Amino acid sequence: MPVLIVKIGRYPLHHGSVGVIRTLGRAGVPVYAITEDRFTPAALSRYLRRRFVWPTTGLEREEQLLEGLVSVGRRLERPALAIPTDDEAAVLLAERAAELAEWFIMSTVAPELPRTLASKCGLSQLCRQHGVPTPRTIFPSSREELLEDNIWDMLPVVVKNVEPWGRLRAPAVSGTTVVHTAEELLALAGSWDPWPDVMLQQYLPREESEDWIFQAYCDEDSSCLVSFTGIKVRSWPPHAGVTTYACARPNPGLTEMAEEFCRNIAYRGIADMDWRLDRRDGTMNLVDFNPRVGAQFRLFENEASIDVVRAQHLDLTGRRVPEGRQVQGRRFVVEHLDAAARLAYASFAAPPQDGQKGKTEFAWLALDDPAPFMAMAARFARPAIARLAKDRAARSRRNFRRS
């Protein structure tokens, strides 16, 4: 059964898409992908059967996106497994599954569930309903309500966009943002006009916490056929962004808690969760549930070389998913982002290691598929050089004024 990677929005440097193409392509699965242009890293992978150039922004009407997906489906050889790489795509596929069923195969999750999980408000409600710990969270609808919520007792806080579509159409912040003082928060809120859908969540002190990853594939009975845990060592932006370096580590307690949550909400498909351990009381807090494949999924494999993407493909084609323990000690590095993250984390102690050493999986570099790495380097270098030139010009102007 072929696979189509579905994405909505413009993010050409997406290593998760490259990971999906490689893990299935190496197994002989025909992989297709929607790409922004002909020269994105994913579009140049030797394991990609065909690219469909369809640049979207996420601002399109839902019907327009649906028509575009149907158009791609008609050009495929036969019905394909649709794998979303962002929340917007996961929501669209779930809610319009009946209209897309002629061309695409998907896990039959409840149509409303991916939107609820991707929404910070919806996830917070589900956590309360099922007794899953989560940091204190508020959703102010105005500046006055912000001041009334006694937010100062929560500082520092993480500021996030509430809805997956909202982060593209009317974002409160460009990405997950940590605010440490009342002055910073009021200055940020002063820039919101009109007031956006925004969430403020208590930020657990980095000196007393650890960031954990849970990933799984759940079948039609919401049983996790594979599940994995790992610790996020570095991210970019620091302490609040995408994973740049992570290690696979066992965490039976987290596995049990996360698998039970998936069963309780009748989740089906690939799940990518972010948890934060508060070492002060040992509580593991759920902070994000992505109802789709995570960009760092290649961190994890079991002893049968099965990751969450391979597990889904096997299960939905009626084959048995080989069992096996999680391979420990694997590492995952996002090369172009981890270089900067290393500098930012230099003054912070890394989480304790378990002493096991295993394979390092690079997000981009692969000897059997070098083109995506080269395309990434070329695209990343252009804005980086422009930024350096801008900073140098600014320093020159300041020095000139001083002289």
Protein backbone atom coordinates (compact mmCIF):
# COMPACT_ATOMS: atom_id res chain seq x y z
CA MET A 1 0.00 0.00 0.00
CA PRO A 2 1.49 3.37 -0.97
CA VAL A 3 1.76 6.29 1.45
CA LEU A 4 1.07 9.99 1.02
CA ILE A 5 2.65 12.50 3.40
CA VAL A 6 0.07 15.26 3.98
CA LYS A 7 1.09 18.71 5.22
CA ILE A 8 -0.64 22.08 5.48
CA GLY A 9 1.39 25.25 5.85
CA ARG A 10 4.85 26.27 4.76
CA TYR A 11 7.73 24.59 6.61
CA PRO A 12 10.08 23.16 3.96
CA LEU A 13 12.82 22.19 6.45
CA HIS A 14 10.79 19.41 8.07
CA HIS A 15 12.92 16.45 9.08
CA GLY A 16 9.89 14.42 10.15
CA SER A 17 8.75 14.13 6.53
CA VAL A 18 12.21 12.96 5.48
CA GLY A 19 12.12 10.38 8.27
CA VAL A 20 8.80 8.96 7.06
CA ILE A 21 10.07 8.77 3.47
CA ARG A 22 13.23 6.93 4.50
CA THR A 23 11.79 4.45 6.99
CA LEU A 24 9.09 3.29 4.57
CA GLY A 25 11.10 3.72 1.38
CA ARG A 26 13.88 1.50 2.71
CA ALA A 27 11.25 -1.17 3.32
CA GLY A 28 10.07 -0.96 -0.29
CA VAL A 29 6.88 1.03 0.30
CA PRO A 30 6.00 3.57 -2.45
CA VAL A 31 6.02 6.97 -0.74
CA TYR A 32 4.52 10.16 -2.14
CA ALA A 33 4.63 13.61 -0.54
CA ILE A 34 3.01 17.02 -0.79
CA THR A 35 5.82 19.59 -0.94
CA GLU A 36 6.13 23.37 -1.11
CA ASP A 37 8.34 23.22 -4.20
CA ARG A 38 10.48 20.83 -6.22
CA PHE A 39 13.62 21.38 -4.18
CA THR A 40 12.64 20.89 -0.56
CA PRO A 41 14.74 18.26 1.25
CA ALA A 42 11.84 15.81 1.24
CA ALA A 43 11.25 16.30 -2.48
CA LEU A 44 14.85 15.29 -3.24
CA SER A 45 14.99 12.05 -1.26
CA ARG A 46 15.94 9.01 -3.35
CA TYR A 47 13.21 7.07 -1.52
CA LEU A 48 10.40 9.36 -2.65
CA ARG A 49 8.36 7.90 -5.52
CA ARG A 50 6.78 11.21 -6.55
CA ARG A 51 6.25 14.72 -5.20
CA PHE A 52 3.07 16.76 -5.56
CA VAL A 53 4.00 20.44 -5.49
CA TRP A 54 1.14 22.17 -3.69
CA PRO A 55 2.21 25.20 -1.62
CA THR A 56 -0.37 25.86 1.09
CA THR A 57 -0.39 28.38 3.92
CA GLY A 58 -3.14 27.06 6.20
CA LEU A 59 -5.18 30.18 5.45
CA GLU A 60 -7.12 28.49 2.65
CA ARG A 61 -10.78 27.61 2.98
CA GLU A 62 -11.38 24.06 4.21
CA GLU A 63 -13.22 23.19 1.00
CA GLN A 64 -10.24 24.37 -1.01
CA LEU A 65 -7.91 22.12 0.98
CA LEU A 66 -10.31 19.22 0.58
CA GLU A 67 -10.43 19.72 -3.19
CA GLY A 68 -6.65 19.79 -3.32
CA LEU A 69 -6.35 16.51 -1.44
CA VAL A 70 -8.92 14.86 -3.69
CA SER A 71 -6.97 16.07 -6.73
CA VAL A 72 -3.79 14.47 -5.37
CA GLY A 73 -5.67 11.27 -4.53
CA ARG A 74 -6.92 10.93 -8.09
CA ARG A 75 -3.35 10.99 -9.38
CA LEU A 76 -2.12 8.18 -7.13
CA GLU A 77 -1.79 4.62 -8.36
CA ARG A 78 -4.31 3.30 -5.81
CA PRO A 79 -5.67 4.21 -2.36
CA ALA A 80 -2.84 5.35 -0.11
CA LEU A 81 -2.23 5.56 3.62
CA ALA A 82 -2.38 9.27 4.50
CA ILE A 83 0.18 10.32 7.14
CA PRO A 84 -0.23 13.90 8.43
CA THR A 85 2.83 15.78 9.65
CA ASP A 86 1.03 18.72 11.31
CA ASP A 87 -2.04 19.21 13.48
CA GLU A 88 -4.01 21.00 10.77
CA ALA A 89 -3.59 18.08 8.38
CA ALA A 90 -4.52 15.58 11.11
CA VAL A 91 -7.69 17.53 11.90
CA LEU A 92 -8.69 17.86 8.25
CA LEU A 93 -8.15 14.15 7.51
CA ALA A 94 -10.16 13.07 10.56
CA GLU A 95 -13.08 15.45 10.07
CA ARG A 96 -13.40 14.85 6.31
CA ALA A 97 -12.51 11.14 6.35
CA ALA A 98 -15.79 10.04 4.77
CA GLU A 99 -15.25 12.32 1.76
CA LEU A 100 -11.65 11.18 1.36
CA ALA A 101 -12.23 7.45 1.87
CA GLU A 102 -12.19 6.69 -1.87
CA TRP A 103 -8.55 7.77 -2.14
CA PHE A 104 -7.03 7.52 1.33
CA ILE A 105 -6.75 5.01 4.15
CA MET A 106 -6.52 6.27 7.73
CA SER A 107 -6.92 5.08 11.30
CA THR A 108 -10.61 5.44 12.12
CA VAL A 109 -10.29 7.89 14.98
CA ALA A 110 -13.41 9.75 16.13
CA PRO A 111 -13.73 12.76 13.77
CA GLU A 112 -13.72 15.35 16.55
CA LEU A 113 -10.89 13.88 18.65
CA PRO A 114 -7.78 15.20 16.80
CA ARG A 115 -9.11 18.78 16.94
CA THR A 116 -9.83 18.39 20.66
CA LEU A 117 -6.35 17.00 21.38
CA ALA A 118 -4.56 19.59 19.26
CA SER A 119 -6.48 22.37 21.04
CA LYS A 120 -4.79 23.40 24.27
CA CYS A 121 -8.21 24.04 25.79
CA GLY A 122 -9.59 20.69 24.64
CA LEU A 123 -6.57 18.79 25.94
CA SER A 124 -6.79 20.56 29.30
CA GLN A 125 -10.43 19.50 29.64
CA LEU A 126 -9.64 15.88 28.74
CA CYS A 127 -6.83 15.82 31.29
CA ARG A 128 -9.16 17.02 34.04
CA GLN A 129 -11.84 14.54 32.95
CA HIS A 130 -9.48 11.55 33.11
CA GLY A 131 -7.33 12.60 36.04
CA VAL A 132 -4.15 13.18 34.06
CA PRO A 133 -1.81 15.73 35.70
CA THR A 134 -1.16 18.92 33.76
CA PRO A 135 0.32 22.29 34.81
CA ARG A 136 -2.05 25.02 35.95
CA THR A 137 -3.58 26.64 32.86
CA ILE A 138 -5.79 29.64 32.09
CA PHE A 139 -7.37 30.92 28.88
CA PRO A 140 -7.93 34.70 29.24
CA SER A 141 -10.26 36.24 26.67
CA SER A 142 -9.24 39.88 27.33
CA ARG A 143 -6.62 42.02 29.04
CA GLU A 144 -9.04 42.65 31.89
CA GLU A 145 -9.57 38.93 32.38
CA LEU A 146 -5.83 38.40 32.31
CA LEU A 147 -5.41 40.83 35.20
CA GLU A 148 -8.28 39.22 37.12
CA ASP A 149 -6.89 35.69 36.88
CA ASN A 150 -4.14 36.36 39.41
CA ILE A 151 -1.63 35.30 36.80
CA TRP A 152 1.25 36.77 38.81
CA ASP A 153 1.18 33.78 41.15
CA MET A 154 1.86 31.51 38.15
CA LEU A 155 4.93 33.27 36.74
CA PRO A 156 6.91 32.22 34.84
CA VAL A 157 4.35 31.04 32.29
CA VAL A 158 4.38 29.41 28.86
CA VAL A 159 2.33 31.30 26.26
CA LYS A 160 0.82 29.17 23.49
CA ASN A 161 -1.74 29.50 20.73
CA VAL A 162 -4.88 27.57 21.65
CA GLU A 163 -6.15 26.16 18.35
CA PRO A 164 -4.10 24.54 15.57
CA TRP A 165 -5.64 26.74 12.86
CA GLY A 166 -5.34 29.86 15.01
CA ARG A 167 -1.55 29.67 15.11
CA LEU A 168 -1.56 30.23 11.35
CA ARG A 169 -4.40 32.72 11.00
CA ALA A 170 -4.14 34.94 14.10
CA PRO A 171 -1.22 33.80 16.28
CA ALA A 172 -0.74 35.19 19.76
CA VAL A 173 2.93 34.15 19.58
CA SER A 174 5.06 32.83 16.73
CA GLY A 175 5.86 29.73 18.77
CA THR A 176 5.84 28.45 22.32
CA THR A 177 7.09 31.41 24.41
CA VAL A 178 8.26 31.51 28.03
CA VAL A 179 7.49 34.76 29.89
CA HIS A 180 9.29 35.33 33.18
CA THR A 181 8.04 38.68 34.51
CA ALA A 182 4.83 40.67 34.76
CA GLU A 183 6.36 43.44 32.65
CA GLU A 184 7.15 41.00 29.82
CA LEU A 185 3.65 39.55 29.93
CA LEU A 186 1.90 42.94 29.89
CA ALA A 187 4.10 44.11 27.01
CA LEU A 188 3.23 40.97 25.04
CA ALA A 189 -0.48 41.30 25.79
CA GLY A 190 -0.37 44.92 24.68
CA SER A 191 0.54 43.78 21.18
CA TRP A 192 -2.58 41.63 20.82
CA ASP A 193 -5.16 43.50 18.77
CA PRO A 194 -7.61 41.91 18.33
CA TRP A 195 -7.27 39.61 21.31
CA PRO A 196 -6.28 36.11 20.14
CA ASP A 197 -7.10 32.64 21.46
CA VAL A 198 -4.25 32.29 23.89
CA MET A 199 -3.25 29.93 26.67
CA LEU A 200 -1.04 30.69 29.68
CA GLN A 201 0.39 27.63 31.40
CA GLN A 202 2.52 27.49 34.50
CA TYR A 203 6.12 26.86 33.55
CA LEU A 204 7.83 24.29 35.71
CA PRO A 205 11.35 25.48 36.60
CA ARG A 206 13.91 23.91 34.27
CA GLU A 207 16.28 23.38 37.20
CA GLU A 208 13.68 21.08 38.81
CA SER A 209 12.12 19.39 35.79
CA GLU A 210 12.73 17.09 32.82
CA ASP A 211 11.06 16.96 29.40
CA TRP A 212 9.90 13.51 28.30
CA ILE A 213 8.56 12.18 25.01
CA PHE A 214 5.98 9.41 24.60
CA GLN A 215 5.14 8.02 21.17
CA ALA A 216 2.86 5.16 20.24
CA TYR A 217 0.74 3.60 17.56
CA CYS A 218 -2.77 2.61 18.71
CA ASP A 219 -4.89 0.08 16.79
CA GLU A 220 -8.67 -0.05 16.32
CA ASP A 221 -9.11 -1.15 19.95
CA SER A 222 -6.94 1.76 21.16
CA SER A 223 -4.30 -0.71 22.26
CA CYS A 224 -0.72 0.49 21.82
CA LEU A 225 0.92 -2.02 19.48
CA VAL A 226 4.20 -0.15 19.97
CA SER A 227 5.03 2.53 22.51
CA PHE A 228 8.24 4.33 23.37
CA THR A 229 9.61 6.82 25.89
CA GLY A 230 12.61 9.13 25.76
CA ILE A 231 14.01 12.25 27.33
CA LYS A 232 14.39 15.56 25.54
CA VAL A 233 17.86 16.90 26.33
CA ARG A 234 17.86 20.04 24.17
CA SER A 235 15.38 22.01 22.07
CA TRP A 236 15.31 25.13 19.94
CA PRO A 237 14.24 27.72 20.94
CA PRO A 238 15.75 26.69 24.28
CA HIS A 239 13.44 24.89 26.74
CA ALA A 240 10.32 25.54 24.66
CA GLY A 241 10.84 24.56 21.04
CA VAL A 242 11.36 21.60 18.74
CA THR A 243 13.52 18.73 19.95
CA THR A 244 17.14 19.00 18.75
CA TYR A 245 18.71 16.24 20.84
CA ALA A 246 16.96 13.38 22.62
CA CYS A 247 17.74 9.96 24.07
CA ALA A 248 15.59 6.83 24.19
CA ARG A 249 15.12 5.81 27.83
CA PRO A 250 12.67 3.46 29.55
CA ASN A 251 10.00 4.94 31.78
CA PRO A 252 7.46 2.24 32.75
CA GLY A 253 5.38 4.63 34.84
CA LEU A 254 4.98 7.11 32.01
CA THR A 255 4.23 4.31 29.55
CA GLU A 256 1.45 2.97 31.74
CA MET A 257 -0.07 6.42 32.29
CA ALA A 258 0.07 7.43 28.61
CA GLU A 259 -1.27 4.12 27.29
CA GLU A 260 -4.18 4.27 29.75
CA PHE A 261 -5.01 7.80 28.60
CA CYS A 262 -5.05 6.64 24.96
CA ARG A 263 -7.45 3.81 25.87
CA ASN A 264 -9.71 6.07 27.92
CA ILE A 265 -10.17 8.57 25.07
CA ALA A 266 -10.44 5.80 22.42
CA TYR A 267 -7.49 7.16 20.48
CA ARG A 268 -6.41 5.43 17.25
CA GLY A 269 -3.38 6.13 15.11
CA ILE A 270 0.04 7.61 15.81
CA ALA A 271 0.36 9.69 18.98
CA ASP A 272 3.17 12.07 19.95
CA MET A 273 3.02 13.44 23.50
CA ASP A 274 5.19 15.85 25.49
CA TRP A 275 5.35 15.34 29.25
CA ARG A 276 7.20 17.36 31.88
CA LEU A 277 8.44 15.74 35.07
CA ASP A 278 8.38 17.94 38.15
CA ARG A 279 11.21 16.46 40.20
CA ARG A 280 10.04 18.33 43.30
CA ASP A 281 7.08 15.98 43.75
CA GLY A 282 7.66 13.32 41.07
CA THR A 283 4.57 14.31 39.07
CA MET A 284 4.60 13.69 35.33
CA ASN A 285 2.53 16.44 33.63
CA LEU A 286 1.07 16.17 30.12
CA VAL A 287 1.71 19.42 28.22
CA ASP A 288 1.05 18.50 24.56
CA PHE A 289 -0.71 15.76 22.60
CA ASN A 290 0.01 15.80 18.87
CA PRO A 291 -2.50 13.52 17.06
CA ARG A 292 0.03 12.67 14.35
CA VAL A 293 3.59 11.56 13.76
CA GLY A 294 6.19 13.54 15.68
CA ALA A 295 9.16 15.06 13.88
CA GLN A 296 11.59 13.10 16.11
CA PHE A 297 9.85 9.70 15.72
CA ARG A 298 13.00 8.07 14.35
CA LEU A 299 14.49 8.26 17.85
CA PHE A 300 12.52 5.12 18.63
CA GLU A 301 12.54 1.54 17.37
CA ASN A 302 11.83 -1.82 18.95
CA GLU A 303 14.11 -4.83 18.62
CA ALA A 304 12.32 -5.82 15.41
CA SER A 305 13.24 -2.43 13.82
CA ILE A 306 9.63 -1.22 14.04
CA ASP A 307 8.88 2.47 14.61
CA VAL A 308 5.43 4.04 14.89
CA VAL A 309 5.17 4.68 11.12
CA ARG A 310 6.06 1.13 10.15
CA ALA A 311 3.68 -0.15 12.83
CA GLN A 312 0.77 1.81 11.36
CA HIS A 313 1.52 0.64 7.83
CA LEU A 314 1.71 -3.00 8.92
CA ASP A 315 -1.48 -2.82 10.98
CA LEU A 316 -3.59 -1.05 8.36
CA THR A 317 -2.52 -3.54 5.70
CA GLY A 318 -3.69 -6.45 7.85
CA ARG A 319 -0.27 -7.69 8.92
CA ARG A 320 1.06 -8.47 12.37
CA VAL A 321 3.20 -5.83 14.05
CA PRO A 322 6.33 -7.62 15.33
CA GLU A 323 6.76 -7.33 19.06
CA GLY A 324 9.97 -6.41 20.79
CA ARG A 325 11.37 -4.28 23.56
CA GLN A 326 12.25 -0.66 22.95
CA VAL A 327 15.86 -0.26 21.82
CA GLN A 328 17.54 1.73 24.57
CA GLY A 329 20.36 4.22 24.19
CA ARG A 330 19.38 5.49 20.75
CA ARG A 331 19.98 9.19 20.18
CA PHE A 332 18.38 11.65 17.81
CA VAL A 333 20.07 14.84 16.61
CA VAL A 334 18.70 17.64 14.42
CA GLU A 335 21.99 18.89 13.08
CA HIS A 336 21.28 22.47 11.99
CA LEU A 337 19.33 23.36 15.15
CA ASP A 338 21.34 21.49 17.77
CA ALA A 339 24.49 23.50 17.06
CA ALA A 340 22.79 26.64 18.40
CA ALA A 341 21.01 24.71 21.16
CA ARG A 342 24.32 23.39 22.48
CA LEU A 343 25.51 26.94 23.08
CA ALA A 344 22.25 27.95 24.75
CA TYR A 345 22.33 24.94 27.09
CA ALA A 346 26.01 25.28 28.01
CA SER A 347 25.19 26.67 31.45
CA PHE A 348 22.52 24.10 32.25
CA ALA A 349 23.14 20.59 33.52
CA ALA A 350 21.96 17.84 31.20
CA PRO A 351 19.47 15.25 32.52
CA PRO A 352 21.15 12.23 34.10
CA GLN A 353 22.06 9.51 31.59
CA ASP A 354 21.42 5.81 32.05
CA GLY A 355 24.87 4.82 30.84
CA GLN A 356 23.62 2.98 27.75
CA LYS A 357 25.01 3.96 24.38
CA GLY A 358 23.36 3.19 21.09
CA LYS A 359 23.00 4.37 17.53
CA THR A 360 22.74 8.09 16.82
CA GLU A 361 20.02 8.83 14.28
CA PHE A 362 20.56 12.09 12.44
CA ALA A 363 17.55 14.02 11.22
CA TRP A 364 19.15 14.88 7.89
CA LEU A 365 22.42 13.09 7.27
CA ALA A 366 22.19 9.61 5.74
CA LEU A 367 24.87 8.01 3.58
CA ASP A 368 22.30 6.20 1.44
CA ASP A 369 20.23 9.37 0.92
CA PRO A 370 22.51 12.46 0.92
CA ALA A 371 20.38 14.90 -1.12
CA PRO A 372 18.01 15.98 1.72
CA PHE A 373 20.98 16.95 3.90
CA MET A 374 22.53 19.04 1.13
CA ALA A 375 19.20 20.72 0.34
CA MET A 376 18.69 21.51 4.03
CA ALA A 377 22.18 23.00 4.33
CA ALA A 378 21.67 25.21 1.29
CA ARG A 379 18.28 26.49 2.48
CA PHE A 380 19.41 26.98 6.05
CA ALA A 381 22.62 28.78 5.08
CA ARG A 382 20.87 31.50 3.10
CA PRO A 383 18.88 33.10 5.97
CA ALA A 384 21.68 32.40 8.43
CA ILE A 385 24.18 34.34 6.29
CA ALA A 386 21.66 37.15 5.81
CA ARG A 387 21.14 37.35 9.57
CA LEU A 388 24.89 37.48 10.21
CA ALA A 389 25.28 40.24 7.60
CA LYS A 390 22.45 42.20 9.20
CA ASP A 391 23.97 41.88 12.67
CA ARG A 392 27.38 42.91 11.34
CA ALA A 393 25.92 45.99 9.66
CA ALA A 394 24.13 46.94 12.86
CA ARG A 395 27.36 46.66 14.86
CA SER A 396 29.17 48.78 12.27
CA ARG A 397 26.52 51.52 12.57
CA ARG A 398 26.79 51.50 16.35
CA ASN A 399 30.59 51.70 16.21
CA PHE A 400 30.37 54.56 13.69
CA ARG A 401 28.03 56.54 15.95
CA ARG A 402 30.34 56.03 18.93
CA SER A 403 33.34 57.26 16.94
